[in-house]
Amino acid sequence: MRHLLQAVNRPADCGHCDPATGPCRACDPLARRRVDLSLEAQDSETVRRFEQTLARAEEAVELRRLFGSPDYFVRVAVADLTAYEAFLSRRVMTIPRIKNVTTHFTMKTVKPAF
């Protein structure tokens, strides 16, 4: 089963990776950042605006609304910390009613997923 998952999830299957240049930002584990976001309110306009804005952001390669806390999980693919800071400043922090942003950077991979 593990070999099947590796074959299905290898970067070349995404359709954007180039064997000559390596994995794309969405597939490269070193380029991905996990961000937890919470909103000040859950009214329909706040939720709609937040989801539409982040769904259009090229850097946001995955966006999930969660039960409980935080309200959202976003996987962000950027080249480096400077690009990540620009994403936060220009995309995320301009959305009204953001309550909290928590970023997770991997210190060490103890057991990889695949």
PDB file of N, CA and C in Angstrom:
ATOM      1  N   MET A   1       0.819  -1.190   0.000  1.00  0.00           N
ATOM      2  CA  MET A   1       0.000   0.000   0.000  1.00  0.00           C
ATOM      3  C   MET A   1       0.865   1.257   0.000  1.00  0.00           C
ATOM      4  N   ARG A   2       1.922   1.257   0.795  1.00  0.00           N
ATOM      5  CA  ARG A   2       2.802   2.429   0.870  1.00  0.00           C
ATOM      6  C   ARG A   2       3.389   2.752  -0.505  1.00  0.00           C
ATOM      7  N   HIS A   3       3.789   1.708  -1.272  1.00  0.00           N
ATOM      8  CA  HIS A   3       4.350   1.947  -2.614  1.00  0.00           C
ATOM      9  C   HIS A   3       3.307   2.529  -3.550  1.00  0.00           C
ATOM     10  N   LEU A   4       2.063   2.088  -3.404  1.00  0.00           N
ATOM     11  CA  LEU A   4       0.989   2.621  -4.228  1.00  0.00           C
ATOM     12  C   LEU A   4       0.785   4.103  -3.924  1.00  0.00           C
ATOM     13  N   LEU A   5       0.764   4.469  -2.638  1.00  0.00           N
ATOM     14  CA  LEU A   5       0.603   5.871  -2.268  1.00  0.00           C
ATOM     15  C   LEU A   5       1.763   6.715  -2.767  1.00  0.00           C
ATOM     16  N   GLN A   6       2.979   6.186  -2.695  1.00  0.00           N
ATOM     17  CA  GLN A   6       4.134   6.925  -3.193  1.00  0.00           C
ATOM     18  C   GLN A   6       4.001   7.162  -4.690  1.00  0.00           C
ATOM     19  N   ALA A   7       3.563   6.163  -5.419  1.00  0.00           N
ATOM     20  CA  ALA A   7       3.428   6.303  -6.874  1.00  0.00           C
ATOM     21  C   ALA A   7       2.351   7.322  -7.226  1.00  0.00           C
ATOM     22  N   VAL A   8       1.251   7.320  -6.502  1.00  0.00           N
ATOM     23  CA  VAL A   8       0.158   8.242  -6.783  1.00  0.00           C
ATOM     24  C   VAL A   8       0.526   9.670  -6.405  1.00  0.00           C
ATOM     25  N   ASN A   9       1.290   9.844  -5.323  1.00  0.00           N
ATOM     26  CA  ASN A   9       1.568  11.170  -4.792  1.00  0.00           C
ATOM     27  C   ASN A   9       2.920  11.743  -5.177  1.00  0.00           C
ATOM     28  N   ARG A  10       3.656  11.107  -6.049  1.00  0.00           N
ATOM     29  CA  ARG A  10       4.960  11.664  -6.401  1.00  0.00           C
ATOM     30  C   ARG A  10       4.764  12.980  -7.146  1.00  0.00           C
ATOM     31  N   PRO A  11       5.668  13.930  -6.998  1.00  0.00           N
ATOM     32  CA  PRO A  11       5.490  15.270  -7.550  1.00  0.00           C
ATOM     33  C   PRO A  11       5.170  15.312  -9.034  1.00  0.00           C
ATOM     34  N   ALA A  12       5.702  14.416  -9.841  1.00  0.00           N
ATOM     35  CA  ALA A  12       5.477  14.482 -11.284  1.00  0.00           C
ATOM     36  C   ALA A  12       4.009  14.315 -11.648  1.00  0.00           C
ATOM     37  N   ASP A  13       3.200  13.758 -10.764  1.00  0.00           N
ATOM     38  CA  ASP A  13       1.792  13.540 -11.052  1.00  0.00           C
ATOM     39  C   ASP A  13       0.931  14.791 -10.925  1.00  0.00           C
ATOM     40  N   CYS A  14       1.490  15.870 -10.434  1.00  0.00           N
ATOM     41  CA  CYS A  14       0.672  17.070 -10.213  1.00  0.00           C
ATOM     42  C   CYS A  14       0.358  17.788 -11.519  1.00  0.00           C
ATOM     43  N   GLY A  15       1.146  17.563 -12.549  1.00  0.00           N
ATOM     44  CA  GLY A  15       0.917  18.223 -13.817  1.00  0.00           C
ATOM     45  C   GLY A  15       1.666  19.529 -13.988  1.00  0.00           C
ATOM     46  N   HIS A  16       2.330  20.004 -12.919  1.00  0.00           N
ATOM     47  CA  HIS A  16       3.061  21.263 -12.987  1.00  0.00           C
ATOM     48  C   HIS A  16       4.564  21.086 -12.814  1.00  0.00           C
ATOM     49  N   CYS A  17       4.989  19.937 -12.305  1.00  0.00           N
ATOM     50  CA  CYS A  17       6.413  19.717 -12.056  1.00  0.00           C
ATOM     51  C   CYS A  17       7.148  19.484 -13.369  1.00  0.00           C
ATOM     52  N   ASP A  18       8.359  19.955 -13.416  1.00  0.00           N
ATOM     53  CA  ASP A  18       9.209  19.779 -14.591  1.00  0.00           C
ATOM     54  C   ASP A  18      10.413  18.948 -14.172  1.00  0.00           C
ATOM     55  N   PRO A  19      10.631  17.783 -14.793  1.00  0.00           N
ATOM     56  CA  PRO A  19      11.771  16.947 -14.417  1.00  0.00           C
ATOM     57  C   PRO A  19      13.110  17.676 -14.512  1.00  0.00           C
ATOM     58  N   ALA A  20      13.187  18.666 -15.383  1.00  0.00           N
ATOM     59  CA  ALA A  20      14.452  19.392 -15.554  1.00  0.00           C
ATOM     60  C   ALA A  20      14.717  20.367 -14.405  1.00  0.00           C
ATOM     61  N   THR A  21      13.650  20.922 -13.826  1.00  0.00           N
ATOM     62  CA  THR A  21      13.833  21.924 -12.773  1.00  0.00           C
ATOM     63  C   THR A  21      13.449  21.429 -11.385  1.00  0.00           C
ATOM     64  N   GLY A  22      12.843  20.249 -11.302  1.00  0.00           N
ATOM     65  CA  GLY A  22      12.456  19.704 -10.000  1.00  0.00           C
ATOM     66  C   GLY A  22      11.008  19.986  -9.684  1.00  0.00           C
ATOM     67  N   PRO A  23      10.607  19.685  -8.454  1.00  0.00           N
ATOM     68  CA  PRO A  23       9.196  19.832  -8.090  1.00  0.00           C
ATOM     69  C   PRO A  23       8.742  21.291  -8.079  1.00  0.00           C
ATOM     70  N   CYS A  24       7.469  21.485  -8.374  1.00  0.00           N
ATOM     71  CA  CYS A  24       6.893  22.824  -8.313  1.00  0.00           C
ATOM     72  C   CYS A  24       6.721  23.233  -6.850  1.00  0.00           C
ATOM     73  N   ARG A  25       6.343  24.493  -6.619  1.00  0.00           N
ATOM     74  CA  ARG A  25       6.180  24.976  -5.240  1.00  0.00           C
ATOM     75  C   ARG A  25       5.138  24.180  -4.469  1.00  0.00           C
ATOM     76  N   ALA A  26       4.088  23.740  -5.136  1.00  0.00           N
ATOM     77  CA  ALA A  26       3.035  22.996  -4.443  1.00  0.00           C
ATOM     78  C   ALA A  26       3.502  21.616  -4.003  1.00  0.00           C
ATOM     79  N   CYS A  27       4.479  21.046  -4.687  1.00  0.00           N
ATOM     80  CA  CYS A  27       4.952  19.701  -4.368  1.00  0.00           C
ATOM     81  C   CYS A  27       6.224  19.684  -3.527  1.00  0.00           C
ATOM     82  N   ASP A  28       6.962  20.758  -3.533  1.00  0.00           N
ATOM     83  CA  ASP A  28       8.233  20.808  -2.820  1.00  0.00           C
ATOM     84  C   ASP A  28       7.984  21.028  -1.329  1.00  0.00           C
ATOM     85  N   PRO A  29       8.303  20.039  -0.483  1.00  0.00           N
ATOM     86  CA  PRO A  29       8.031  20.199   0.950  1.00  0.00           C
ATOM     87  C   PRO A  29       8.800  21.353   1.581  1.00  0.00           C
ATOM     88  N   LEU A  30       9.910  21.766   1.007  1.00  0.00           N
ATOM     89  CA  LEU A  30      10.677  22.881   1.554  1.00  0.00           C
ATOM     90  C   LEU A  30      10.038  24.230   1.236  1.00  0.00           C
ATOM     91  N   ALA A  31       9.161  24.267   0.247  1.00  0.00           N
ATOM     92  CA  ALA A  31       8.522  25.524  -0.150  1.00  0.00           C
ATOM     93  C   ALA A  31       7.158  25.716   0.499  1.00  0.00           C
ATOM     94  N   ARG A  32       6.631  24.670   1.164  1.00  0.00           N
ATOM     95  CA  ARG A  32       5.286  24.750   1.736  1.00  0.00           C
ATOM     96  C   ARG A  32       5.314  25.198   3.185  1.00  0.00           C
ATOM     97  N   ARG A  33       4.352  26.037   3.538  1.00  0.00           N
ATOM     98  CA  ARG A  33       4.153  26.493   4.916  1.00  0.00           C
ATOM     99  C   ARG A  33       2.720  26.176   5.303  1.00  0.00           C
ATOM    100  N   ARG A  34       2.520  25.754   6.534  1.00  0.00           N
ATOM    101  CA  ARG A  34       1.172  25.512   7.041  1.00  0.00           C
ATOM    102  C   ARG A  34       0.769  26.720   7.870  1.00  0.00           C
ATOM    103  N   VAL A  35      -0.421  27.238   7.581  1.00  0.00           N
ATOM    104  CA  VAL A  35      -0.916  28.417   8.271  1.00  0.00           C
ATOM    105  C   VAL A  35      -2.311  28.111   8.821  1.00  0.00           C
ATOM    106  N   ASP A  36      -2.499  28.394  10.108  1.00  0.00           N
ATOM    107  CA  ASP A  36      -3.810  28.297  10.728  1.00  0.00           C
ATOM    108  C   ASP A  36      -4.357  29.709  10.861  1.00  0.00           C
ATOM    109  N   LEU A  37      -5.618  29.900  10.465  1.00  0.00           N
ATOM    110  CA  LEU A  37      -6.237  31.221  10.503  1.00  0.00           C
ATOM    111  C   LEU A  37      -7.569  31.165  11.221  1.00  0.00           C
ATOM    112  N   SER A  38      -7.834  32.179  12.024  1.00  0.00           N
ATOM    113  CA  SER A  38      -9.127  32.324  12.679  1.00  0.00           C
ATOM    114  C   SER A  38      -9.704  33.686  12.337  1.00  0.00           C
ATOM    115  N   LEU A  39     -11.025  33.727  12.238  1.00  0.00           N
ATOM    116  CA  LEU A  39     -11.729  34.964  11.925  1.00  0.00           C
ATOM    117  C   LEU A  39     -12.371  35.536  13.183  1.00  0.00           C
ATOM    118  N   GLU A  40     -12.603  36.840  13.191  1.00  0.00           N
ATOM    119  CA  GLU A  40     -13.271  37.490  14.316  1.00  0.00           C
ATOM    120  C   GLU A  40     -14.746  37.129  14.375  1.00  0.00           C
ATOM    121  N   ALA A  41     -15.336  36.828  13.224  1.00  0.00           N
ATOM    122  CA  ALA A  41     -16.765  36.518  13.159  1.00  0.00           C
ATOM    123  C   ALA A  41     -17.002  35.444  12.102  1.00  0.00           C
ATOM    124  N   GLN A  42     -18.146  34.775  12.173  1.00  0.00           N
ATOM    125  CA  GLN A  42     -18.488  33.709  11.237  1.00  0.00           C
ATOM    126  C   GLN A  42     -19.713  34.069  10.396  1.00  0.00           C
ATOM    127  N   ASP A  43     -20.021  35.356  10.285  1.00  0.00           N
ATOM    128  CA  ASP A  43     -21.171  35.743   9.467  1.00  0.00           C
ATOM    129  C   ASP A  43     -20.876  35.442   8.004  1.00  0.00           C
ATOM    130  N   SER A  44     -21.924  35.314   7.222  1.00  0.00           N
ATOM    131  CA  SER A  44     -21.772  34.857   5.836  1.00  0.00           C
ATOM    132  C   SER A  44     -20.893  35.779   4.998  1.00  0.00           C
ATOM    133  N   GLU A  45     -20.979  37.085   5.195  1.00  0.00           N
ATOM    134  CA  GLU A  45     -20.169  38.017   4.403  1.00  0.00           C
ATOM    135  C   GLU A  45     -18.681  37.894   4.739  1.00  0.00           C
ATOM    136  N   THR A  46     -18.353  37.772   6.022  1.00  0.00           N
ATOM    137  CA  THR A  46     -16.956  37.617   6.434  1.00  0.00           C
ATOM    138  C   THR A  46     -16.378  36.327   5.871  1.00  0.00           C
ATOM    139  N   VAL A  47     -17.109  35.242   6.004  1.00  0.00           N
ATOM    140  CA  VAL A  47     -16.658  33.935   5.509  1.00  0.00           C
ATOM    141  C   VAL A  47     -16.516  33.968   3.997  1.00  0.00           C
ATOM    142  N   ARG A  48     -17.503  34.513   3.295  1.00  0.00           N
ATOM    143  CA  ARG A  48     -17.454  34.565   1.824  1.00  0.00           C
ATOM    144  C   ARG A  48     -16.250  35.362   1.339  1.00  0.00           C
ATOM    145  N   ARG A  49     -16.048  36.535   1.915  1.00  0.00           N
ATOM    146  CA  ARG A  49     -14.940  37.391   1.482  1.00  0.00           C
ATOM    147  C   ARG A  49     -13.593  36.712   1.746  1.00  0.00           C
ATOM    148  N   PHE A  50     -13.448  36.125   2.928  1.00  0.00           N
ATOM    149  CA  PHE A  50     -12.209  35.444   3.270  1.00  0.00           C
ATOM    150  C   PHE A  50     -11.925  34.290   2.296  1.00  0.00           C
ATOM    151  N   GLU A  51     -12.921  33.419   2.103  1.00  0.00           N
ATOM    152  CA  GLU A  51     -12.724  32.256   1.240  1.00  0.00           C
ATOM    153  C   GLU A  51     -12.453  32.649  -0.203  1.00  0.00           C
ATOM    154  N   GLN A  52     -13.176  33.609  -0.715  1.00  0.00           N
ATOM    155  CA  GLN A  52     -12.958  34.039  -2.099  1.00  0.00           C
ATOM    156  C   GLN A  52     -11.576  34.655  -2.282  1.00  0.00           C
ATOM    157  N   THR A  53     -11.166  35.474  -1.336  1.00  0.00           N
ATOM    158  CA  THR A  53      -9.860  36.131  -1.449  1.00  0.00           C
ATOM    159  C   THR A  53      -8.733  35.124  -1.416  1.00  0.00           C
ATOM    160  N   LEU A  54      -8.750  34.210  -0.454  1.00  0.00           N
ATOM    161  CA  LEU A  54      -7.659  33.239  -0.370  1.00  0.00           C
ATOM    162  C   LEU A  54      -7.713  32.199  -1.474  1.00  0.00           C
ATOM    163  N   ALA A  55      -8.898  31.824  -1.925  1.00  0.00           N
ATOM    164  CA  ALA A  55      -9.014  30.855  -3.017  1.00  0.00           C
ATOM    165  C   ALA A  55      -8.385  31.402  -4.302  1.00  0.00           C
ATOM    166  N   ARG A  56      -8.401  32.721  -4.475  1.00  0.00           N
ATOM    167  CA  ARG A  56      -7.795  33.338  -5.669  1.00  0.00           C
ATOM    168  C   ARG A  56      -6.282  33.515  -5.537  1.00  0.00           C
ATOM    169  N   ALA A  57      -5.757  33.403  -4.337  1.00  0.00           N
ATOM    170  CA  ALA A  57      -4.319  33.626  -4.131  1.00  0.00           C
ATOM    171  C   ALA A  57      -3.523  32.447  -4.676  1.00  0.00           C
ATOM    172  N   GLU A  58      -2.623  32.727  -5.586  1.00  0.00           N
ATOM    173  CA  GLU A  58      -1.793  31.685  -6.201  1.00  0.00           C
ATOM    174  C   GLU A  58      -0.968  30.935  -5.161  1.00  0.00           C
ATOM    175  N   GLU A  59      -0.533  31.617  -4.126  1.00  0.00           N
ATOM    176  CA  GLU A  59       0.318  31.016  -3.100  1.00  0.00           C
ATOM    177  C   GLU A  59      -0.427  30.011  -2.226  1.00  0.00           C
ATOM    178  N   ALA A  60      -1.733  30.163  -2.112  1.00  0.00           N
ATOM    179  CA  ALA A  60      -2.550  29.246  -1.303  1.00  0.00           C
ATOM    180  C   ALA A  60      -2.883  28.023  -2.139  1.00  0.00           C
ATOM    181  N   VAL A  61      -2.157  26.937  -1.920  1.00  0.00           N
ATOM    182  CA  VAL A  61      -2.343  25.730  -2.728  1.00  0.00           C
ATOM    183  C   VAL A  61      -3.380  24.783  -2.127  1.00  0.00           C
ATOM    184  N   GLU A  62      -3.762  25.024  -0.887  1.00  0.00           N
ATOM    185  CA  GLU A  62      -4.797  24.222  -0.237  1.00  0.00           C
ATOM    186  C   GLU A  62      -5.476  25.107   0.812  1.00  0.00           C
ATOM    187  N   LEU A  63      -6.804  25.061   0.855  1.00  0.00           N
ATOM    188  CA  LEU A  63      -7.569  25.854   1.820  1.00  0.00           C
ATOM    189  C   LEU A  63      -8.693  24.980   2.347  1.00  0.00           C
ATOM    190  N   ARG A  64      -8.742  24.816   3.678  1.00  0.00           N
ATOM    191  CA  ARG A  64      -9.766  23.980   4.302  1.00  0.00           C
ATOM    192  C   ARG A  64     -10.434  24.742   5.441  1.00  0.00           C
ATOM    193  N   ARG A  65     -11.762  24.681   5.465  1.00  0.00           N
ATOM    194  CA  ARG A  65     -12.509  25.207   6.599  1.00  0.00           C
ATOM    195  C   ARG A  65     -12.653  24.072   7.600  1.00  0.00           C
ATOM    196  N   LEU A  66     -12.411  24.370   8.869  1.00  0.00           N
ATOM    197  CA  LEU A  66     -12.359  23.332   9.893  1.00  0.00           C
ATOM    198  C   LEU A  66     -13.493  23.464  10.897  1.00  0.00           C
ATOM    199  N   PHE A  67     -13.800  22.364  11.568  1.00  0.00           N
ATOM    200  CA  PHE A  67     -14.656  22.394  12.748  1.00  0.00           C
ATOM    201  C   PHE A  67     -13.773  22.809  13.909  1.00  0.00           C
ATOM    202  N   GLY A  68     -14.280  23.576  14.831  1.00  0.00           N
ATOM    203  CA  GLY A  68     -13.505  23.953  16.006  1.00  0.00           C
ATOM    204  C   GLY A  68     -12.517  25.063  15.699  1.00  0.00           C
ATOM    205  N   SER A  69     -11.385  24.983  16.356  1.00  0.00           N
ATOM    206  CA  SER A  69     -10.378  26.033  16.241  1.00  0.00           C
ATOM    207  C   SER A  69      -9.066  25.443  15.746  1.00  0.00           C
ATOM    208  N   PRO A  70      -8.402  26.055  14.822  1.00  0.00           N
ATOM    209  CA  PRO A  70      -8.684  27.325  14.145  1.00  0.00           C
ATOM    210  C   PRO A  70      -9.817  27.166  13.137  1.00  0.00           C
ATOM    211  N   ASP A  71     -10.221  28.275  12.554  1.00  0.00           N
ATOM    212  CA  ASP A  71     -11.309  28.247  11.578  1.00  0.00           C
ATOM    213  C   ASP A  71     -10.880  27.670  10.235  1.00  0.00           C
ATOM    214  N   TYR A  72      -9.621  27.943   9.851  1.00  0.00           N
ATOM    215  CA  TYR A  72      -9.119  27.512   8.540  1.00  0.00           C
ATOM    216  C   TYR A  72      -7.693  26.995   8.633  1.00  0.00           C
ATOM    217  N   PHE A  73      -7.389  26.094   7.733  1.00  0.00           N
ATOM    218  CA  PHE A  73      -6.032  25.590   7.512  1.00  0.00           C
ATOM    219  C   PHE A  73      -5.681  25.957   6.079  1.00  0.00           C
ATOM    220  N   VAL A  74      -4.528  26.576   5.888  1.00  0.00           N
ATOM    221  CA  VAL A  74      -4.071  26.956   4.550  1.00  0.00           C
ATOM    222  C   VAL A  74      -2.671  26.405   4.357  1.00  0.00           C
ATOM    223  N   ARG A  75      -2.440  25.757   3.221  1.00  0.00           N
ATOM    224  CA  ARG A  75      -1.080  25.355   2.868  1.00  0.00           C
ATOM    225  C   ARG A  75      -0.606  26.357   1.831  1.00  0.00           C
ATOM    226  N   VAL A  76       0.494  27.004   2.150  1.00  0.00           N
ATOM    227  CA  VAL A  76       1.032  28.082   1.332  1.00  0.00           C
ATOM    228  C   VAL A  76       2.333  27.614   0.696  1.00  0.00           C
ATOM    229  N   ALA A  77       2.467  27.838  -0.598  1.00  0.00           N
ATOM    230  CA  ALA A  77       3.692  27.486  -1.318  1.00  0.00           C
ATOM    231  C   ALA A  77       4.354  28.765  -1.812  1.00  0.00           C
ATOM    232  N   VAL A  78       5.530  29.043  -1.263  1.00  0.00           N
ATOM    233  CA  VAL A  78       6.295  30.232  -1.629  1.00  0.00           C
ATOM    234  C   VAL A  78       7.769  29.859  -1.722  1.00  0.00           C
ATOM    235  N   ALA A  79       8.539  30.707  -2.368  1.00  0.00           N
ATOM    236  CA  ALA A  79       9.956  30.407  -2.601  1.00  0.00           C
ATOM    237  C   ALA A  79      10.798  30.518  -1.340  1.00  0.00           C
ATOM    238  N   ASP A  80      10.483  31.497  -0.471  1.00  0.00           N
ATOM    239  CA  ASP A  80      11.335  31.732   0.701  1.00  0.00           C
ATOM    240  C   ASP A  80      10.569  32.564   1.721  1.00  0.00           C
ATOM    241  N   LEU A  81      11.241  32.923   2.814  1.00  0.00           N
ATOM    242  CA  LEU A  81      10.586  33.691   3.870  1.00  0.00           C
ATOM    243  C   LEU A  81      10.183  35.096   3.419  1.00  0.00           C
ATOM    244  N   THR A  82      10.951  35.689   2.538  1.00  0.00           N
ATOM    245  CA  THR A  82      10.593  37.008   2.020  1.00  0.00           C
ATOM    246  C   THR A  82       9.280  36.932   1.249  1.00  0.00           C
ATOM    247  N   ALA A  83       9.132  35.913   0.431  1.00  0.00           N
ATOM    248  CA  ALA A  83       7.890  35.720  -0.326  1.00  0.00           C
ATOM    249  C   ALA A  83       6.729  35.395   0.608  1.00  0.00           C
ATOM    250  N   TYR A  84       7.000  34.657   1.678  1.00  0.00           N
ATOM    251  CA  TYR A  84       5.954  34.342   2.645  1.00  0.00           C
ATOM    252  C   TYR A  84       5.480  35.610   3.354  1.00  0.00           C
ATOM    253  N   GLU A  85       6.421  36.450   3.756  1.00  0.00           N
ATOM    254  CA  GLU A  85       6.066  37.708   4.421  1.00  0.00           C
ATOM    255  C   GLU A  85       5.243  38.583   3.477  1.00  0.00           C
ATOM    256  N   ALA A  86       5.601  38.604   2.207  1.00  0.00           N
ATOM    257  CA  ALA A  86       4.838  39.379   1.220  1.00  0.00           C
ATOM    258  C   ALA A  86       3.427  38.810   1.076  1.00  0.00           C
ATOM    259  N   PHE A  87       3.293  37.491   1.057  1.00  0.00           N
ATOM    260  CA  PHE A  87       1.973  36.853   0.986  1.00  0.00           C
ATOM    261  C   PHE A  87       1.120  37.258   2.185  1.00  0.00           C
ATOM    262  N   LEU A  88       1.687  37.173   3.379  1.00  0.00           N
ATOM    263  CA  LEU A  88       0.930  37.554   4.574  1.00  0.00           C
ATOM    264  C   LEU A  88       0.522  39.026   4.525  1.00  0.00           C
ATOM    265  N   SER A  89       1.474  39.892   4.203  1.00  0.00           N
ATOM    266  CA  SER A  89       1.212  41.333   4.207  1.00  0.00           C
ATOM    267  C   SER A  89       0.238  41.770   3.125  1.00  0.00           C
ATOM    268  N   ARG A  90       0.391  41.231   1.928  1.00  0.00           N
ATOM    269  CA  ARG A  90      -0.405  41.699   0.788  1.00  0.00           C
ATOM    270  C   ARG A  90      -1.704  40.950   0.580  1.00  0.00           C
ATOM    271  N   ARG A  91      -1.748  39.690   0.989  1.00  0.00           N
ATOM    272  CA  ARG A  91      -2.951  38.878   0.753  1.00  0.00           C
ATOM    273  C   ARG A  91      -3.770  38.665   2.016  1.00  0.00           C
ATOM    274  N   VAL A  92      -3.147  38.106   3.043  1.00  0.00           N
ATOM    275  CA  VAL A  92      -3.884  37.693   4.236  1.00  0.00           C
ATOM    276  C   VAL A  92      -4.271  38.876   5.112  1.00  0.00           C
ATOM    277  N   MET A  93      -3.317  39.710   5.456  1.00  0.00           N
ATOM    278  CA  MET A  93      -3.579  40.775   6.415  1.00  0.00           C
ATOM    279  C   MET A  93      -4.433  41.911   5.850  1.00  0.00           C
ATOM    280  N   THR A  94      -4.743  41.863   4.571  1.00  0.00           N
ATOM    281  CA  THR A  94      -5.635  42.861   3.971  1.00  0.00           C
ATOM    282  C   THR A  94      -7.096  42.398   4.014  1.00  0.00           C
ATOM    283  N   ILE A  95      -7.337  41.153   4.404  1.00  0.00           N
ATOM    284  CA  ILE A  95      -8.703  40.630   4.491  1.00  0.00           C
ATOM    285  C   ILE A  95      -9.313  41.117   5.815  1.00  0.00           C
ATOM    286  N   PRO A  96     -10.464  41.760   5.764  1.00  0.00           N
ATOM    287  CA  PRO A  96     -11.080  42.235   7.001  1.00  0.00           C
ATOM    288  C   PRO A  96     -11.436  41.093   7.948  1.00  0.00           C
ATOM    289  N   ARG A  97     -11.341  41.362   9.244  1.00  0.00           N
ATOM    290  CA  ARG A  97     -11.789  40.500  10.325  1.00  0.00           C
ATOM    291  C   ARG A  97     -10.944  39.252  10.537  1.00  0.00           C
ATOM    292  N   ILE A  98      -9.658  39.308  10.169  1.00  0.00           N
ATOM    293  CA  ILE A  98      -8.732  38.238  10.534  1.00  0.00           C
ATOM    294  C   ILE A  98      -8.431  38.405  12.019  1.00  0.00           C
ATOM    295  N   LYS A  99      -8.612  37.356  12.781  1.00  0.00           N
ATOM    296  CA  LYS A  99      -8.381  37.422  14.222  1.00  0.00           C
ATOM    297  C   LYS A  99      -6.988  36.938  14.594  1.00  0.00           C
ATOM    298  N   ASN A 100      -6.566  35.819  13.998  1.00  0.00           N
ATOM    299  CA  ASN A 100      -5.302  35.215  14.399  1.00  0.00           C
ATOM    300  C   ASN A 100      -4.681  34.463  13.230  1.00  0.00           C
ATOM    301  N   VAL A 101      -3.362  34.570  13.123  1.00  0.00           N
ATOM    302  CA  VAL A 101      -2.594  33.845  12.111  1.00  0.00           C
ATOM    303  C   VAL A 101      -1.474  33.105  12.837  1.00  0.00           C
ATOM    304  N   THR A 102      -1.420  31.797  12.659  1.00  0.00           N
ATOM    305  CA  THR A 102      -0.351  30.986  13.251  1.00  0.00           C
ATOM    306  C   THR A 102       0.325  30.213  12.139  1.00  0.00           C
ATOM    307  N   THR A 103       1.620  30.394  12.000  1.00  0.00           N
ATOM    308  CA  THR A 103       2.389  29.727  10.956  1.00  0.00           C
ATOM    309  C   THR A 103       3.202  28.590  11.568  1.00  0.00           C
ATOM    310  N   HIS A 104       3.241  27.469  10.860  1.00  0.00           N
ATOM    311  CA  HIS A 104       3.999  26.307  11.319  1.00  0.00           C
ATOM    312  C   HIS A 104       5.117  26.018  10.324  1.00  0.00           C
ATOM    313  N   PHE A 105       6.354  26.049  10.803  1.00  0.00           N
ATOM    314  CA  PHE A 105       7.514  25.688   9.991  1.00  0.00           C
ATOM    315  C   PHE A 105       8.091  24.394  10.554  1.00  0.00           C
ATOM    316  N   THR A 106       8.456  23.506   9.696  1.00  0.00           N
ATOM    317  CA  THR A 106       9.013  22.232  10.135  1.00  0.00           C
ATOM    318  C   THR A 106      10.455  22.421  10.602  1.00  0.00           C
ATOM    319  N   MET A 107      10.735  21.954  11.800  1.00  0.00           N
ATOM    320  CA  MET A 107      12.092  21.961  12.327  1.00  0.00           C
ATOM    321  C   MET A 107      12.841  20.723  11.830  1.00  0.00           C
ATOM    322  N   LYS A 108      12.131  19.597  11.842  1.00  0.00           N
ATOM    323  CA  LYS A 108      12.761  18.332  11.487  1.00  0.00           C
ATOM    324  C   LYS A 108      11.655  17.340  11.123  1.00  0.00           C
ATOM    325  N   THR A 109      11.843  16.599  10.049  1.00  0.00           N
ATOM    326  CA  THR A 109      10.902  15.553   9.696  1.00  0.00           C
ATOM    327  C   THR A 109      11.357  14.265  10.370  1.00  0.00           C
ATOM    328  N   VAL A 110      10.575  13.828  11.331  1.00  0.00           N
ATOM    329  CA  VAL A 110      10.914  12.615  12.071  1.00  0.00           C
ATOM    330  C   VAL A 110      10.421  11.390  11.320  1.00  0.00           C
ATOM    331  N   LYS A 111       9.220  11.482  10.773  1.00  0.00           N
ATOM    332  CA  LYS A 111       8.643  10.381   9.993  1.00  0.00           C
ATOM    333  C   LYS A 111       7.876  10.995   8.823  1.00  0.00           C
ATOM    334  N   PRO A 112       8.387  10.869   7.616  1.00  0.00           N
ATOM    335  CA  PRO A 112       7.707  11.460   6.465  1.00  0.00           C
ATOM    336  C   PRO A 112       6.404  10.723   6.150  1.00  0.00           C
ATOM    337  N   ALA A 113       5.477  11.439   5.518  1.00  0.00           N
ATOM    338  CA  ALA A 113       4.174  10.860   5.158  1.00  0.00           C
ATOM    339  C   ALA A 113       4.321   9.760   4.119  1.00  0.00           C
ATOM    340  N   PHE A 114       5.241   9.931   3.180  1.00  0.00           N
ATOM    341  CA  PHE A 114       5.414   8.943   2.107  1.00  0.00           C
ATOM    342  C   PHE A 114       6.871   8.680   1.889  1.00  0.00           C
TER     343      PHE A 114
END
